[in-house]
């Protein structure tokens, strides 16, 4: 959806990745972990209390999400009523959108200055890599076409799967997928942003 909204308004869309995201989450409950073999603790203890989440802990992703959510709300974002992973911030009629999927973040908006400021704020709190313009996210390649349209392709992802299962030489079959695509959500979001910008 965020790609469609950015395309609709002609906004740039950038991609950020949070480095070791799960390690930012502070534990709210007591969780103990045995120490690695060869590590000696004082007083003969054989476990430690985790103050922060670690990879492999079942609640690590939830703790990370709560940490990210708390921070972006503190810098003025609100959560979309359509998608709990979409954050919206409007400042002086300009809008910026953040979409988070675990540790992958897409950012777009009407103001390059506001986008740069939000990136700066995020990077001051979390170590992040900034890939610039979004070209590949979650197995989907994002391609700008000469006519101004955008193509979303999973060809690379599909080829990787075929190779993994030794099926790169299989015969493709054309199959029509029936169904319809609704743009209501995109248009509703676009309308809400336009109203916010006009102050209505």
N, C-alpha and C. Protein backbone atom coordinates (compact mmCIF):
# COMPACT_ATOMS: atom_id res chain seq x y z
N UNK A 1 0.81 -1.18 0.00
CA UNK A 1 0.00 0.00 0.00
C UNK A 1 0.87 1.26 0.00
N UNK A 2 1.93 1.27 0.80
CA UNK A 2 2.75 2.48 0.90
C UNK A 2 3.42 2.80 -0.44
N UNK A 3 3.75 1.78 -1.21
CA UNK A 3 4.35 2.01 -2.53
C UNK A 3 3.31 2.65 -3.44
N UNK A 4 2.07 2.19 -3.37
CA UNK A 4 1.00 2.77 -4.19
C UNK A 4 0.73 4.22 -3.80
N UNK A 5 0.72 4.51 -2.50
CA UNK A 5 0.50 5.88 -2.04
C UNK A 5 1.63 6.79 -2.52
N UNK A 6 2.88 6.33 -2.35
CA UNK A 6 4.03 7.13 -2.80
C UNK A 6 3.95 7.39 -4.30
N UNK A 7 3.59 6.37 -5.06
CA UNK A 7 3.49 6.52 -6.51
C UNK A 7 2.37 7.49 -6.87
N UNK A 8 1.24 7.37 -6.19
CA UNK A 8 0.08 8.22 -6.45
C UNK A 8 0.44 9.70 -6.30
N UNK A 9 1.21 10.03 -5.25
CA UNK A 9 1.58 11.43 -5.00
C UNK A 9 2.92 11.82 -5.62
N UNK A 10 3.64 10.86 -6.20
CA UNK A 10 4.95 11.17 -6.77
C UNK A 10 6.03 11.38 -5.72
N UNK A 11 5.88 10.74 -4.57
CA UNK A 11 6.84 10.87 -3.48
C UNK A 11 7.98 9.86 -3.64
N UNK A 12 9.18 10.21 -3.17
CA UNK A 12 10.27 9.23 -3.15
C UNK A 12 9.98 8.20 -2.06
N UNK A 13 10.54 7.01 -2.21
CA UNK A 13 10.38 5.99 -1.17
C UNK A 13 11.74 5.37 -0.90
N UNK A 14 12.19 5.51 0.34
CA UNK A 14 13.50 5.02 0.75
C UNK A 14 13.36 3.84 1.70
N UNK A 15 14.46 3.12 1.82
CA UNK A 15 14.47 1.92 2.65
C UNK A 15 15.57 2.00 3.70
N UNK A 16 15.21 1.65 4.93
CA UNK A 16 16.15 1.59 6.04
C UNK A 16 16.09 0.19 6.64
N UNK A 17 17.19 -0.23 7.24
CA UNK A 17 17.22 -1.53 7.91
C UNK A 17 17.84 -1.33 9.29
N UNK A 18 17.14 -1.78 10.32
CA UNK A 18 17.64 -1.65 11.69
C UNK A 18 18.62 -2.79 11.95
N UNK A 19 19.84 -2.44 12.34
CA UNK A 19 20.89 -3.44 12.61
C UNK A 19 20.62 -4.07 13.98
N UNK A 20 20.60 -5.39 14.03
CA UNK A 20 20.33 -6.16 15.26
C UNK A 20 19.16 -5.59 16.04
N UNK A 21 18.02 -5.46 15.36
CA UNK A 21 16.84 -4.81 15.92
C UNK A 21 16.39 -5.42 17.25
N UNK A 22 16.38 -6.74 17.35
CA UNK A 22 15.84 -7.38 18.55
C UNK A 22 16.61 -7.03 19.81
N UNK A 23 17.87 -6.63 19.66
CA UNK A 23 18.69 -6.33 20.83
C UNK A 23 18.36 -4.98 21.47
N UNK A 24 17.47 -4.19 20.84
CA UNK A 24 17.07 -2.90 21.41
C UNK A 24 15.95 -3.05 22.43
N UNK A 25 15.24 -4.15 22.40
CA UNK A 25 14.07 -4.31 23.25
C UNK A 25 14.42 -4.59 24.70
N UNK A 26 13.86 -3.80 25.62
CA UNK A 26 14.06 -4.02 27.06
C UNK A 26 13.01 -5.00 27.56
N UNK A 27 13.46 -5.99 28.32
CA UNK A 27 12.56 -7.02 28.84
C UNK A 27 11.68 -6.43 29.94
N UNK A 28 10.41 -6.79 29.91
CA UNK A 28 9.47 -6.34 30.95
C UNK A 28 9.25 -7.42 32.00
N UNK A 29 9.49 -8.67 31.64
CA UNK A 29 9.34 -9.76 32.60
C UNK A 29 10.71 -10.37 32.87
N UNK A 30 10.77 -11.15 33.91
CA UNK A 30 12.04 -11.80 34.25
C UNK A 30 12.25 -13.02 33.36
N UNK A 31 13.39 -13.03 32.66
CA UNK A 31 13.78 -14.17 31.83
C UNK A 31 15.23 -14.47 32.17
N UNK A 32 15.51 -15.74 32.41
CA UNK A 32 16.86 -16.15 32.75
C UNK A 32 17.42 -17.02 31.64
N UNK A 33 18.73 -16.94 31.48
CA UNK A 33 19.41 -17.68 30.41
C UNK A 33 20.65 -18.34 30.99
N UNK A 34 20.85 -19.60 30.64
CA UNK A 34 22.08 -20.25 31.11
C UNK A 34 23.27 -19.65 30.37
N UNK A 35 24.39 -19.61 31.03
CA UNK A 35 25.58 -19.00 30.43
C UNK A 35 26.24 -20.00 29.48
N UNK A 36 26.93 -19.49 28.48
CA UNK A 36 27.62 -20.38 27.54
C UNK A 36 28.67 -21.23 28.25
N UNK A 37 28.92 -22.39 27.70
CA UNK A 37 29.93 -23.30 28.25
C UNK A 37 31.28 -22.59 28.29
N UNK A 38 31.97 -22.73 29.40
CA UNK A 38 33.29 -22.11 29.55
C UNK A 38 33.26 -20.78 30.27
N UNK A 39 32.06 -20.19 30.45
CA UNK A 39 31.94 -18.92 31.15
C UNK A 39 31.70 -19.20 32.63
N UNK A 40 32.51 -18.61 33.46
CA UNK A 40 32.39 -18.80 34.91
C UNK A 40 31.82 -17.53 35.53
N UNK A 41 30.77 -17.68 36.33
CA UNK A 41 30.17 -16.55 37.03
C UNK A 41 30.57 -16.58 38.49
N UNK A 42 30.58 -15.41 39.12
CA UNK A 42 30.87 -15.32 40.55
C UNK A 42 29.82 -16.09 41.35
N UNK A 43 30.21 -16.56 42.49
CA UNK A 43 29.32 -17.25 43.43
C UNK A 43 28.67 -18.51 42.86
N UNK A 44 29.23 -19.07 41.80
CA UNK A 44 28.75 -20.34 41.27
C UNK A 44 27.43 -20.28 40.52
N UNK A 45 26.95 -19.09 40.18
CA UNK A 45 25.71 -19.00 39.41
C UNK A 45 25.91 -19.62 38.03
N UNK A 46 24.85 -20.23 37.50
CA UNK A 46 24.95 -20.82 36.17
C UNK A 46 23.96 -20.20 35.19
N UNK A 47 23.33 -19.07 35.59
CA UNK A 47 22.42 -18.37 34.68
C UNK A 47 22.48 -16.87 34.96
N UNK A 48 21.96 -16.10 34.00
CA UNK A 48 21.91 -14.65 34.13
C UNK A 48 20.50 -14.18 33.77
N UNK A 49 20.12 -13.03 34.32
CA UNK A 49 18.83 -12.44 33.96
C UNK A 49 19.04 -11.58 32.71
N UNK A 50 18.15 -11.73 31.73
CA UNK A 50 18.23 -10.93 30.52
C UNK A 50 17.57 -9.57 30.76
N UNK A 51 18.31 -8.51 30.52
CA UNK A 51 17.75 -7.16 30.63
C UNK A 51 17.18 -6.72 29.29
N UNK A 52 17.77 -7.25 28.21
CA UNK A 52 17.31 -6.95 26.86
C UNK A 52 16.97 -8.25 26.16
N UNK A 53 16.13 -8.12 25.13
CA UNK A 53 15.76 -9.30 24.34
C UNK A 53 16.97 -9.77 23.53
N UNK A 54 16.98 -11.04 23.22
CA UNK A 54 18.03 -11.60 22.36
C UNK A 54 17.36 -12.42 21.27
N UNK A 55 18.07 -12.62 20.18
CA UNK A 55 17.56 -13.44 19.09
C UNK A 55 17.31 -14.85 19.60
N UNK A 56 16.20 -15.44 19.16
CA UNK A 56 15.84 -16.78 19.59
C UNK A 56 14.85 -16.78 20.73
N UNK A 57 14.70 -15.67 21.40
CA UNK A 57 13.73 -15.56 22.49
C UNK A 57 12.34 -15.37 21.88
N UNK A 58 11.36 -16.15 22.32
CA UNK A 58 10.06 -16.13 21.65
C UNK A 58 9.39 -14.75 21.67
N UNK A 59 9.64 -13.95 22.69
CA UNK A 59 9.01 -12.63 22.74
C UNK A 59 9.88 -11.52 22.17
N UNK A 60 11.02 -11.85 21.59
CA UNK A 60 11.96 -10.83 21.10
C UNK A 60 11.34 -9.91 20.05
N UNK A 61 10.59 -10.47 19.10
CA UNK A 61 10.01 -9.63 18.05
C UNK A 61 8.96 -8.68 18.62
N UNK A 62 8.17 -9.15 19.58
CA UNK A 62 7.15 -8.30 20.20
C UNK A 62 7.80 -7.18 21.01
N UNK A 63 8.85 -7.52 21.76
CA UNK A 63 9.55 -6.52 22.57
C UNK A 63 10.18 -5.46 21.65
N UNK A 64 10.76 -5.90 20.53
CA UNK A 64 11.33 -4.95 19.56
C UNK A 64 10.23 -4.04 19.00
N UNK A 65 9.09 -4.63 18.61
CA UNK A 65 8.01 -3.83 18.05
C UNK A 65 7.52 -2.79 19.05
N UNK A 66 7.40 -3.16 20.31
CA UNK A 66 6.98 -2.20 21.35
C UNK A 66 8.00 -1.08 21.49
N UNK A 67 9.28 -1.41 21.41
CA UNK A 67 10.35 -0.41 21.52
C UNK A 67 10.29 0.58 20.36
N UNK A 68 10.16 0.05 19.13
CA UNK A 68 10.08 0.90 17.95
C UNK A 68 8.82 1.77 18.01
N UNK A 69 7.69 1.16 18.33
CA UNK A 69 6.41 1.87 18.41
C UNK A 69 6.48 3.02 19.41
N UNK A 70 7.03 2.75 20.57
CA UNK A 70 7.15 3.78 21.61
C UNK A 70 8.00 4.95 21.12
N UNK A 71 9.10 4.65 20.43
CA UNK A 71 9.98 5.72 19.98
C UNK A 71 9.32 6.56 18.88
N UNK A 72 8.76 5.92 17.85
CA UNK A 72 8.20 6.72 16.75
C UNK A 72 7.00 7.54 17.22
N UNK A 73 6.25 7.04 18.18
CA UNK A 73 5.16 7.85 18.74
C UNK A 73 5.73 9.05 19.49
N UNK A 74 6.88 8.87 20.15
CA UNK A 74 7.48 9.97 20.91
C UNK A 74 7.99 11.09 20.01
N UNK A 75 8.24 10.79 18.73
CA UNK A 75 8.70 11.84 17.81
C UNK A 75 7.56 12.34 16.91
N UNK A 76 6.32 12.07 17.33
CA UNK A 76 5.17 12.69 16.68
C UNK A 76 4.40 11.85 15.69
N UNK A 77 4.70 10.59 15.54
CA UNK A 77 3.95 9.74 14.63
C UNK A 77 2.71 9.19 15.32
N UNK A 78 1.69 8.91 14.54
CA UNK A 78 0.53 8.18 15.04
C UNK A 78 0.35 6.93 14.18
N UNK A 79 -0.27 5.92 14.75
CA UNK A 79 -0.46 4.66 14.04
C UNK A 79 -1.68 4.78 13.14
N UNK A 80 -1.56 4.29 11.91
CA UNK A 80 -2.68 4.26 10.99
C UNK A 80 -3.78 3.36 11.53
N UNK A 81 -5.02 3.76 11.33
CA UNK A 81 -6.14 2.91 11.74
C UNK A 81 -6.33 1.73 10.79
N UNK A 82 -5.66 1.77 9.63
CA UNK A 82 -5.76 0.69 8.66
C UNK A 82 -4.71 -0.39 8.85
N UNK A 83 -3.54 0.01 9.36
CA UNK A 83 -2.42 -0.92 9.44
C UNK A 83 -1.56 -0.56 10.65
N UNK A 84 -1.44 -1.47 11.64
CA UNK A 84 -0.67 -1.14 12.85
C UNK A 84 0.83 -0.99 12.60
N UNK A 85 1.30 -1.33 11.41
CA UNK A 85 2.72 -1.18 11.09
C UNK A 85 3.00 0.09 10.28
N UNK A 86 1.95 0.87 10.00
CA UNK A 86 2.08 2.11 9.24
C UNK A 86 1.94 3.29 10.19
N UNK A 87 2.95 4.15 10.18
CA UNK A 87 2.97 5.33 11.05
C UNK A 87 2.89 6.59 10.19
N UNK A 88 2.13 7.58 10.66
CA UNK A 88 1.89 8.80 9.89
C UNK A 88 2.23 10.01 10.76
N UNK A 89 2.91 10.96 10.14
CA UNK A 89 3.23 12.21 10.83
C UNK A 89 2.93 13.36 9.87
N UNK A 90 2.18 14.35 10.34
CA UNK A 90 1.87 15.54 9.53
C UNK A 90 2.41 16.75 10.28
N UNK A 91 3.25 17.53 9.59
CA UNK A 91 3.85 18.73 10.17
C UNK A 91 3.68 19.87 9.17
N UNK A 92 2.98 20.92 9.58
CA UNK A 92 2.78 22.10 8.73
C UNK A 92 2.31 21.71 7.33
N UNK A 93 1.34 20.82 7.25
CA UNK A 93 0.77 20.42 5.97
C UNK A 93 1.60 19.42 5.18
N UNK A 94 2.76 19.06 5.68
CA UNK A 94 3.60 18.05 5.02
C UNK A 94 3.44 16.72 5.75
N UNK A 95 3.53 15.64 5.00
CA UNK A 95 3.27 14.31 5.55
C UNK A 95 4.46 13.39 5.33
N UNK A 96 4.72 12.54 6.32
CA UNK A 96 5.73 11.48 6.16
C UNK A 96 5.10 10.19 6.68
N UNK A 97 5.36 9.10 5.95
CA UNK A 97 4.84 7.78 6.30
C UNK A 97 6.00 6.84 6.57
N UNK A 98 5.86 6.02 7.61
CA UNK A 98 6.83 4.97 7.93
C UNK A 98 6.10 3.65 7.92
N UNK A 99 6.64 2.67 7.25
CA UNK A 99 6.08 1.32 7.29
C UNK A 99 7.17 0.41 7.82
N UNK A 100 6.88 -0.33 8.89
CA UNK A 100 7.89 -1.21 9.49
C UNK A 100 7.45 -2.65 9.35
N UNK A 101 8.37 -3.50 8.91
CA UNK A 101 8.16 -4.94 8.87
C UNK A 101 9.37 -5.56 9.56
N UNK A 102 9.22 -5.91 10.81
CA UNK A 102 10.27 -6.40 11.69
C UNK A 102 11.39 -5.36 11.75
N UNK A 103 12.47 -5.53 10.97
CA UNK A 103 13.57 -4.56 11.02
C UNK A 103 13.73 -3.79 9.71
N UNK A 104 12.82 -4.00 8.77
CA UNK A 104 12.84 -3.27 7.50
C UNK A 104 11.87 -2.11 7.58
N UNK A 105 12.34 -0.92 7.21
CA UNK A 105 11.51 0.28 7.31
C UNK A 105 11.48 0.98 5.96
N UNK A 106 10.28 1.27 5.47
CA UNK A 106 10.12 2.10 4.28
C UNK A 106 9.68 3.47 4.76
N UNK A 107 10.21 4.51 4.13
CA UNK A 107 9.85 5.88 4.49
C UNK A 107 9.56 6.66 3.22
N UNK A 108 8.48 7.41 3.24
CA UNK A 108 8.09 8.24 2.11
C UNK A 108 7.37 9.47 2.64
N UNK A 109 7.20 10.45 1.81
CA UNK A 109 6.48 11.64 2.25
C UNK A 109 6.54 12.76 1.25
N UNK A 110 5.84 13.83 1.61
CA UNK A 110 5.70 14.97 0.71
C UNK A 110 6.86 15.95 0.80
N UNK A 111 7.71 15.81 1.82
CA UNK A 111 8.80 16.76 2.03
C UNK A 111 10.13 16.05 2.21
N UNK A 112 11.08 16.34 1.34
CA UNK A 112 12.42 15.74 1.46
C UNK A 112 13.08 16.15 2.77
N UNK A 113 12.84 17.39 3.21
CA UNK A 113 13.42 17.86 4.47
C UNK A 113 12.85 17.10 5.67
N UNK A 114 11.55 16.87 5.65
CA UNK A 114 10.91 16.13 6.74
C UNK A 114 11.37 14.67 6.76
N UNK A 115 11.50 14.07 5.59
CA UNK A 115 12.02 12.70 5.50
C UNK A 115 13.43 12.64 6.08
N UNK A 116 14.28 13.60 5.69
CA UNK A 116 15.66 13.63 6.19
C UNK A 116 15.70 13.80 7.71
N UNK A 117 14.82 14.64 8.24
CA UNK A 117 14.76 14.85 9.69
C UNK A 117 14.33 13.57 10.42
N UNK A 118 13.33 12.89 9.89
CA UNK A 118 12.87 11.63 10.51
C UNK A 118 13.98 10.58 10.44
N UNK A 119 14.66 10.49 9.31
CA UNK A 119 15.79 9.55 9.20
C UNK A 119 16.84 9.86 10.26
N UNK A 120 17.15 11.14 10.42
CA UNK A 120 18.15 11.55 11.42
C UNK A 120 17.70 11.12 12.82
N UNK A 121 16.43 11.35 13.13
CA UNK A 121 15.90 10.97 14.44
C UNK A 121 15.98 9.46 14.66
N UNK A 122 15.57 8.69 13.65
CA UNK A 122 15.62 7.23 13.77
C UNK A 122 17.05 6.74 13.96
N UNK A 123 17.98 7.31 13.19
CA UNK A 123 19.38 6.88 13.28
C UNK A 123 20.02 7.31 14.60
N UNK A 124 19.47 8.34 15.25
CA UNK A 124 20.02 8.75 16.55
C UNK A 124 19.60 7.77 17.64
N UNK A 125 18.53 7.03 17.41
CA UNK A 125 18.04 6.06 18.41
C UNK A 125 18.46 4.62 18.09
N UNK A 126 18.45 4.26 16.80
CA UNK A 126 18.76 2.90 16.38
C UNK A 126 19.88 2.93 15.34
N UNK A 127 20.78 1.94 15.40
CA UNK A 127 21.77 1.82 14.33
C UNK A 127 21.04 1.30 13.10
N UNK A 128 21.16 2.03 11.99
CA UNK A 128 20.42 1.68 10.78
C UNK A 128 21.31 1.79 9.56
N UNK A 129 21.03 0.95 8.57
CA UNK A 129 21.64 1.14 7.27
C UNK A 129 20.60 1.81 6.39
N UNK A 130 21.03 2.78 5.61
CA UNK A 130 20.13 3.52 4.73
C UNK A 130 20.44 3.10 3.30
N UNK A 131 19.54 2.34 2.70
CA UNK A 131 19.74 1.85 1.33
C UNK A 131 19.33 2.86 0.29
N UNK A 132 18.81 4.01 0.73
CA UNK A 132 18.35 5.01 -0.23
C UNK A 132 17.05 4.54 -0.88
N UNK A 133 16.92 4.82 -2.17
CA UNK A 133 15.70 4.47 -2.89
C UNK A 133 15.40 2.98 -2.78
N UNK A 134 14.16 2.67 -2.46
CA UNK A 134 13.74 1.28 -2.31
C UNK A 134 13.74 0.59 -3.68
N UNK A 135 14.53 -0.49 -3.78
CA UNK A 135 14.55 -1.25 -5.03
C UNK A 135 14.26 -2.73 -4.81
N UNK A 136 14.41 -3.20 -3.57
CA UNK A 136 14.15 -4.62 -3.28
C UNK A 136 13.77 -4.76 -1.81
N UNK A 137 12.56 -5.19 -1.55
CA UNK A 137 12.09 -5.31 -0.16
C UNK A 137 11.24 -6.56 0.00
N UNK A 138 11.56 -7.36 1.02
CA UNK A 138 10.78 -8.55 1.36
C UNK A 138 10.58 -9.48 0.16
N UNK A 139 11.63 -9.65 -0.62
CA UNK A 139 11.55 -10.55 -1.77
C UNK A 139 10.87 -9.94 -2.98
N UNK A 140 10.56 -8.65 -2.92
CA UNK A 140 9.88 -7.97 -4.03
C UNK A 140 10.80 -6.92 -4.62
N UNK A 141 11.03 -7.02 -5.93
CA UNK A 141 11.83 -6.03 -6.64
C UNK A 141 10.91 -4.89 -7.07
N UNK A 142 11.34 -3.66 -6.81
CA UNK A 142 10.56 -2.47 -7.16
C UNK A 142 11.28 -1.78 -8.31
N UNK A 143 10.61 -1.72 -9.48
CA UNK A 143 11.24 -1.19 -10.69
C UNK A 143 10.46 0.01 -11.19
N UNK A 144 11.17 1.14 -11.39
CA UNK A 144 10.55 2.31 -12.01
C UNK A 144 10.60 2.13 -13.52
N UNK A 145 9.46 2.29 -14.16
CA UNK A 145 9.38 2.16 -15.61
C UNK A 145 9.48 3.53 -16.28
N UNK A 146 9.88 3.55 -17.54
CA UNK A 146 10.07 4.80 -18.28
C UNK A 146 8.79 5.61 -18.38
N UNK A 147 7.64 4.94 -18.40
CA UNK A 147 6.36 5.65 -18.53
C UNK A 147 5.83 6.21 -17.21
N UNK A 148 6.64 6.09 -16.14
CA UNK A 148 6.23 6.61 -14.84
C UNK A 148 5.53 5.59 -13.95
N UNK A 149 5.23 4.44 -14.50
CA UNK A 149 4.59 3.40 -13.69
C UNK A 149 5.65 2.64 -12.90
N UNK A 150 5.19 1.80 -12.03
CA UNK A 150 6.08 1.01 -11.18
C UNK A 150 5.71 -0.46 -11.34
N UNK A 151 6.72 -1.32 -11.39
CA UNK A 151 6.48 -2.75 -11.47
C UNK A 151 7.00 -3.40 -10.20
N UNK A 152 6.18 -4.26 -9.60
CA UNK A 152 6.59 -5.06 -8.46
C UNK A 152 6.76 -6.48 -8.97
N UNK A 153 7.95 -7.03 -8.78
CA UNK A 153 8.26 -8.34 -9.33
C UNK A 153 8.89 -9.24 -8.28
N UNK A 154 8.49 -10.50 -8.28
CA UNK A 154 9.10 -11.48 -7.40
C UNK A 154 9.90 -12.50 -8.19
N UNK A 155 10.34 -12.12 -9.40
CA UNK A 155 11.09 -13.05 -10.26
C UNK A 155 12.34 -13.57 -9.57
N UNK A 156 13.11 -12.70 -8.94
CA UNK A 156 14.35 -13.13 -8.27
C UNK A 156 14.03 -14.11 -7.15
N UNK A 157 12.99 -13.81 -6.39
CA UNK A 157 12.57 -14.67 -5.28
C UNK A 157 12.12 -16.04 -5.80
N UNK A 158 11.34 -16.02 -6.88
CA UNK A 158 10.86 -17.28 -7.47
C UNK A 158 12.03 -18.09 -8.01
N UNK A 159 12.97 -17.44 -8.68
CA UNK A 159 14.14 -18.16 -9.20
C UNK A 159 14.98 -18.76 -8.07
N UNK A 160 15.10 -18.04 -6.96
CA UNK A 160 15.82 -18.58 -5.80
C UNK A 160 15.14 -19.83 -5.26
N UNK A 161 13.81 -19.82 -5.20
CA UNK A 161 13.06 -20.99 -4.73
C UNK A 161 13.25 -22.16 -5.70
N UNK A 162 13.15 -21.88 -7.00
CA UNK A 162 13.34 -22.94 -8.00
C UNK A 162 14.72 -23.57 -7.87
N UNK A 163 15.75 -22.73 -7.69
CA UNK A 163 17.11 -23.26 -7.52
C UNK A 163 17.24 -24.08 -6.25
N UNK A 164 16.65 -23.59 -5.17
CA UNK A 164 16.74 -24.29 -3.89
C UNK A 164 16.18 -25.71 -3.99
N UNK A 165 15.14 -25.88 -4.80
CA UNK A 165 14.52 -27.19 -4.93
C UNK A 165 14.90 -27.91 -6.22
N UNK A 166 15.94 -27.40 -6.92
CA UNK A 166 16.44 -28.05 -8.12
C UNK A 166 15.44 -28.08 -9.26
N UNK A 167 14.62 -27.05 -9.37
CA UNK A 167 13.57 -27.03 -10.39
C UNK A 167 13.76 -25.90 -11.40
N UNK A 168 14.99 -25.39 -11.54
CA UNK A 168 15.20 -24.26 -12.45
C UNK A 168 14.92 -24.61 -13.91
N UNK A 169 14.88 -25.90 -14.26
CA UNK A 169 14.60 -26.31 -15.64
C UNK A 169 13.17 -26.81 -15.81
N UNK A 170 12.30 -26.57 -14.85
CA UNK A 170 10.91 -27.05 -14.96
C UNK A 170 10.17 -26.25 -16.04
N UNK A 171 9.07 -26.82 -16.53
CA UNK A 171 8.28 -26.16 -17.57
C UNK A 171 7.26 -25.23 -16.90
N UNK A 172 7.27 -23.95 -17.27
CA UNK A 172 6.29 -23.03 -16.69
C UNK A 172 4.89 -23.29 -17.25
N UNK A 173 3.88 -22.96 -16.47
CA UNK A 173 2.49 -23.11 -16.88
C UNK A 173 1.81 -21.76 -16.69
N UNK A 174 1.11 -21.32 -17.72
CA UNK A 174 0.37 -20.07 -17.63
C UNK A 174 -0.95 -20.35 -16.93
N UNK A 175 -1.26 -19.61 -15.90
CA UNK A 175 -2.52 -19.79 -15.17
C UNK A 175 -3.06 -18.42 -14.86
N UNK A 176 -4.28 -18.20 -15.24
CA UNK A 176 -4.94 -16.93 -14.96
C UNK A 176 -5.43 -16.96 -13.52
N UNK A 177 -5.10 -15.92 -12.78
CA UNK A 177 -5.57 -15.81 -11.40
C UNK A 177 -6.79 -14.90 -11.41
N UNK A 178 -7.91 -15.43 -10.96
CA UNK A 178 -9.14 -14.65 -10.92
C UNK A 178 -9.19 -13.85 -9.63
N UNK A 179 -9.78 -12.70 -9.70
CA UNK A 179 -9.91 -11.87 -8.51
C UNK A 179 -9.88 -10.41 -8.90
N UNK A 180 -10.11 -9.57 -7.92
CA UNK A 180 -10.09 -8.14 -8.20
C UNK A 180 -9.22 -7.45 -7.17
N UNK A 181 -8.72 -6.33 -7.55
CA UNK A 181 -7.87 -5.53 -6.66
C UNK A 181 -8.62 -4.25 -6.34
N UNK A 182 -8.71 -3.92 -5.09
CA UNK A 182 -9.41 -2.69 -4.71
C UNK A 182 -8.40 -1.62 -4.32
N UNK A 183 -8.66 -0.42 -4.78
CA UNK A 183 -7.80 0.71 -4.46
C UNK A 183 -8.45 1.59 -3.40
N UNK A 184 -9.56 1.12 -2.79
CA UNK A 184 -10.28 1.92 -1.81
C UNK A 184 -9.37 2.39 -0.67
N UNK A 185 -8.55 1.47 -0.14
CA UNK A 185 -7.67 1.82 0.97
C UNK A 185 -6.69 2.92 0.56
N UNK A 186 -6.11 2.79 -0.62
CA UNK A 186 -5.16 3.80 -1.11
C UNK A 186 -5.87 5.14 -1.27
N UNK A 187 -7.06 5.11 -1.89
CA UNK A 187 -7.77 6.36 -2.12
C UNK A 187 -8.25 6.99 -0.82
N UNK A 188 -8.71 6.16 0.15
CA UNK A 188 -9.12 6.69 1.46
C UNK A 188 -7.94 7.37 2.16
N UNK A 189 -6.77 6.73 2.11
CA UNK A 189 -5.58 7.30 2.75
C UNK A 189 -5.16 8.59 2.05
N UNK A 190 -5.23 8.59 0.72
CA UNK A 190 -4.88 9.78 -0.04
C UNK A 190 -5.83 10.93 0.30
N UNK A 191 -7.12 10.61 0.41
CA UNK A 191 -8.11 11.62 0.75
C UNK A 191 -7.87 12.18 2.16
N UNK A 192 -7.57 11.29 3.11
CA UNK A 192 -7.31 11.72 4.49
C UNK A 192 -6.10 12.63 4.55
N UNK A 193 -5.05 12.32 3.79
CA UNK A 193 -3.86 13.17 3.79
C UNK A 193 -4.18 14.52 3.17
N UNK A 194 -4.94 14.51 2.07
CA UNK A 194 -5.30 15.77 1.42
C UNK A 194 -6.09 16.66 2.36
N UNK A 195 -7.04 16.06 3.11
CA UNK A 195 -7.83 16.82 4.07
C UNK A 195 -6.95 17.39 5.18
N UNK A 196 -6.01 16.57 5.69
CA UNK A 196 -5.11 17.03 6.75
C UNK A 196 -4.25 18.19 6.25
N UNK A 197 -3.82 18.10 5.01
CA UNK A 197 -2.97 19.15 4.45
C UNK A 197 -3.73 20.47 4.30
N UNK A 198 -5.02 20.35 3.93
CA UNK A 198 -5.84 21.55 3.74
C UNK A 198 -6.42 22.06 5.05
N UNK A 199 -6.24 21.27 6.14
CA UNK A 199 -6.71 21.69 7.45
C UNK A 199 -8.20 21.51 7.65
N UNK A 200 -8.82 20.61 6.87
CA UNK A 200 -10.26 20.38 7.05
C UNK A 200 -10.51 19.21 7.95
